[in-house]
N, C-alpha and C. Protein backbone atom coordinates (compact mmCIF):
# COMPACT_ATOMS: atom_id res chain seq x y z
N MET A 1 0.86 -1.17 0.00
CA MET A 1 0.00 0.00 0.00
C MET A 1 0.91 1.23 0.00
N ASP A 2 0.68 2.11 -0.95
CA ASP A 2 1.52 3.31 -1.01
C ASP A 2 0.97 4.41 -0.10
N HIS A 3 1.71 5.52 -0.01
CA HIS A 3 1.35 6.61 0.90
C HIS A 3 -0.02 7.20 0.58
N ASN A 4 -0.32 7.42 -0.70
CA ASN A 4 -1.61 8.01 -1.08
C ASN A 4 -2.78 7.09 -0.73
N GLU A 5 -2.59 5.81 -0.99
CA GLU A 5 -3.64 4.84 -0.68
C GLU A 5 -3.87 4.76 0.83
N ARG A 6 -2.79 4.82 1.59
CA ARG A 6 -2.89 4.80 3.05
C ARG A 6 -3.65 6.04 3.55
N ALA A 7 -3.38 7.21 2.96
CA ALA A 7 -4.06 8.45 3.35
C ALA A 7 -5.56 8.38 3.06
N VAL A 8 -5.92 7.78 1.92
CA VAL A 8 -7.34 7.63 1.59
C VAL A 8 -8.03 6.74 2.62
N HIS A 9 -7.42 5.64 2.96
CA HIS A 9 -8.00 4.73 3.96
C HIS A 9 -8.10 5.41 5.32
N ALA A 10 -7.09 6.14 5.71
CA ALA A 10 -7.06 6.77 7.03
C ALA A 10 -8.15 7.83 7.18
N SER A 11 -8.53 8.46 6.08
CA SER A 11 -9.52 9.54 6.16
C SER A 11 -10.94 9.08 5.80
N SER A 12 -11.13 7.82 5.48
CA SER A 12 -12.42 7.37 4.96
C SER A 12 -13.53 7.36 6.00
N PHE A 13 -13.22 7.30 7.29
CA PHE A 13 -14.25 7.23 8.32
C PHE A 13 -14.45 8.56 9.04
N GLY A 14 -13.83 9.62 8.58
CA GLY A 14 -13.89 10.91 9.26
C GLY A 14 -15.30 11.40 9.53
N ALA A 15 -16.14 11.48 8.51
CA ALA A 15 -17.50 11.99 8.68
C ALA A 15 -18.33 11.07 9.57
N ALA A 16 -18.19 9.77 9.40
CA ALA A 16 -18.94 8.82 10.22
C ALA A 16 -18.49 8.89 11.68
N ALA A 17 -17.21 9.06 11.91
CA ALA A 17 -16.70 9.14 13.28
C ALA A 17 -17.22 10.40 13.97
N VAL A 18 -17.26 11.51 13.25
CA VAL A 18 -17.78 12.75 13.82
C VAL A 18 -19.26 12.59 14.17
N ALA A 19 -20.05 12.03 13.26
CA ALA A 19 -21.48 11.82 13.51
C ALA A 19 -21.70 10.90 14.70
N HIS A 20 -20.90 9.84 14.80
CA HIS A 20 -21.03 8.91 15.92
C HIS A 20 -20.74 9.62 17.24
N ALA A 21 -19.68 10.39 17.29
CA ALA A 21 -19.31 11.10 18.52
C ALA A 21 -20.37 12.12 18.92
N GLU A 22 -21.01 12.75 17.95
CA GLU A 22 -22.04 13.75 18.25
C GLU A 22 -23.34 13.14 18.75
N HIS A 23 -23.67 11.93 18.30
CA HIS A 23 -25.00 11.39 18.58
C HIS A 23 -25.02 10.19 19.52
N ARG A 24 -23.89 9.66 19.90
CA ARG A 24 -23.93 8.49 20.78
C ARG A 24 -24.32 8.92 22.19
N PRO A 25 -25.05 8.08 22.90
CA PRO A 25 -25.44 8.43 24.27
C PRO A 25 -24.28 8.25 25.24
N ASP A 26 -24.28 9.04 26.27
CA ASP A 26 -23.31 8.87 27.34
C ASP A 26 -23.80 7.74 28.25
N TYR A 27 -22.89 7.19 29.03
CA TYR A 27 -23.29 6.18 30.00
C TYR A 27 -23.96 6.88 31.17
N ALA A 28 -25.09 6.37 31.57
CA ALA A 28 -25.79 6.93 32.71
C ALA A 28 -25.01 6.62 33.99
N ARG A 29 -24.88 7.61 34.86
CA ARG A 29 -24.13 7.40 36.12
C ARG A 29 -24.68 6.24 36.92
N ALA A 30 -25.99 6.10 36.97
CA ALA A 30 -26.59 5.00 37.74
C ALA A 30 -26.20 3.65 37.16
N ALA A 31 -26.14 3.53 35.85
CA ALA A 31 -25.76 2.26 35.22
C ALA A 31 -24.32 1.91 35.54
N VAL A 32 -23.43 2.89 35.51
CA VAL A 32 -22.03 2.64 35.83
C VAL A 32 -21.88 2.24 37.29
N ALA A 33 -22.56 2.95 38.18
CA ALA A 33 -22.51 2.62 39.61
C ALA A 33 -23.02 1.21 39.85
N TRP A 34 -24.12 0.84 39.18
CA TRP A 34 -24.68 -0.50 39.33
C TRP A 34 -23.69 -1.56 38.86
N ALA A 35 -23.04 -1.33 37.74
CA ALA A 35 -22.09 -2.30 37.20
C ALA A 35 -20.88 -2.47 38.10
N LEU A 36 -20.46 -1.39 38.74
CA LEU A 36 -19.27 -1.46 39.58
C LEU A 36 -19.55 -2.03 40.97
N GLU A 37 -20.81 -2.06 41.38
CA GLU A 37 -21.14 -2.62 42.70
C GLU A 37 -20.70 -4.07 42.83
N ALA A 38 -20.83 -4.83 41.77
CA ALA A 38 -20.51 -6.26 41.81
C ALA A 38 -19.03 -6.55 41.56
N ALA A 39 -18.24 -5.51 41.30
CA ALA A 39 -16.82 -5.72 41.02
C ALA A 39 -16.10 -6.22 42.27
N PRO A 40 -15.34 -7.30 42.16
CA PRO A 40 -14.61 -7.81 43.33
C PRO A 40 -13.49 -6.86 43.75
N ALA A 41 -13.20 -6.84 45.03
CA ALA A 41 -12.10 -6.06 45.60
C ALA A 41 -12.20 -4.58 45.23
N ARG A 42 -13.37 -4.04 45.35
CA ARG A 42 -13.58 -2.63 45.00
C ARG A 42 -12.70 -1.73 45.85
N GLY A 43 -11.88 -0.93 45.19
CA GLY A 43 -11.01 0.01 45.88
C GLY A 43 -9.71 -0.60 46.37
N CYS A 44 -9.50 -1.88 46.11
CA CYS A 44 -8.28 -2.55 46.56
C CYS A 44 -7.70 -3.33 45.39
N TRP A 45 -6.47 -3.04 45.02
CA TRP A 45 -5.86 -3.69 43.87
C TRP A 45 -4.60 -4.41 44.30
N THR A 46 -4.41 -5.60 43.77
CA THR A 46 -3.19 -6.36 44.00
C THR A 46 -2.42 -6.37 42.69
N TRP A 47 -1.22 -5.84 42.69
CA TRP A 47 -0.42 -5.75 41.47
C TRP A 47 0.58 -6.89 41.35
N ALA A 48 0.84 -7.62 42.41
CA ALA A 48 1.80 -8.72 42.36
C ALA A 48 1.17 -9.92 41.67
N PRO A 49 1.95 -10.67 40.91
CA PRO A 49 1.40 -11.88 40.29
C PRO A 49 1.10 -12.94 41.35
N GLY A 50 0.07 -13.70 41.12
CA GLY A 50 -0.28 -14.76 42.04
C GLY A 50 -1.20 -14.28 43.14
N PRO A 51 -1.59 -15.18 44.04
CA PRO A 51 -2.53 -14.82 45.10
C PRO A 51 -1.89 -13.88 46.13
N ALA A 52 -2.70 -12.98 46.64
CA ALA A 52 -2.22 -12.06 47.69
C ALA A 52 -2.21 -12.81 49.00
N SER A 53 -1.21 -12.54 49.82
CA SER A 53 -1.17 -13.23 51.12
C SER A 53 -1.19 -12.24 52.24
């Protein structure tokens, strides 16, 4: 693929991406809070590999 062809491909979704960003709904705060309630170890993260002791 040459430079011109790559530029055409890179710009082909510009208008659709702008329309999507303008019209997509935001996540409702209540829905996010509900989804995070069931998350294990809320507020506590273990970064070491393997089980925490």
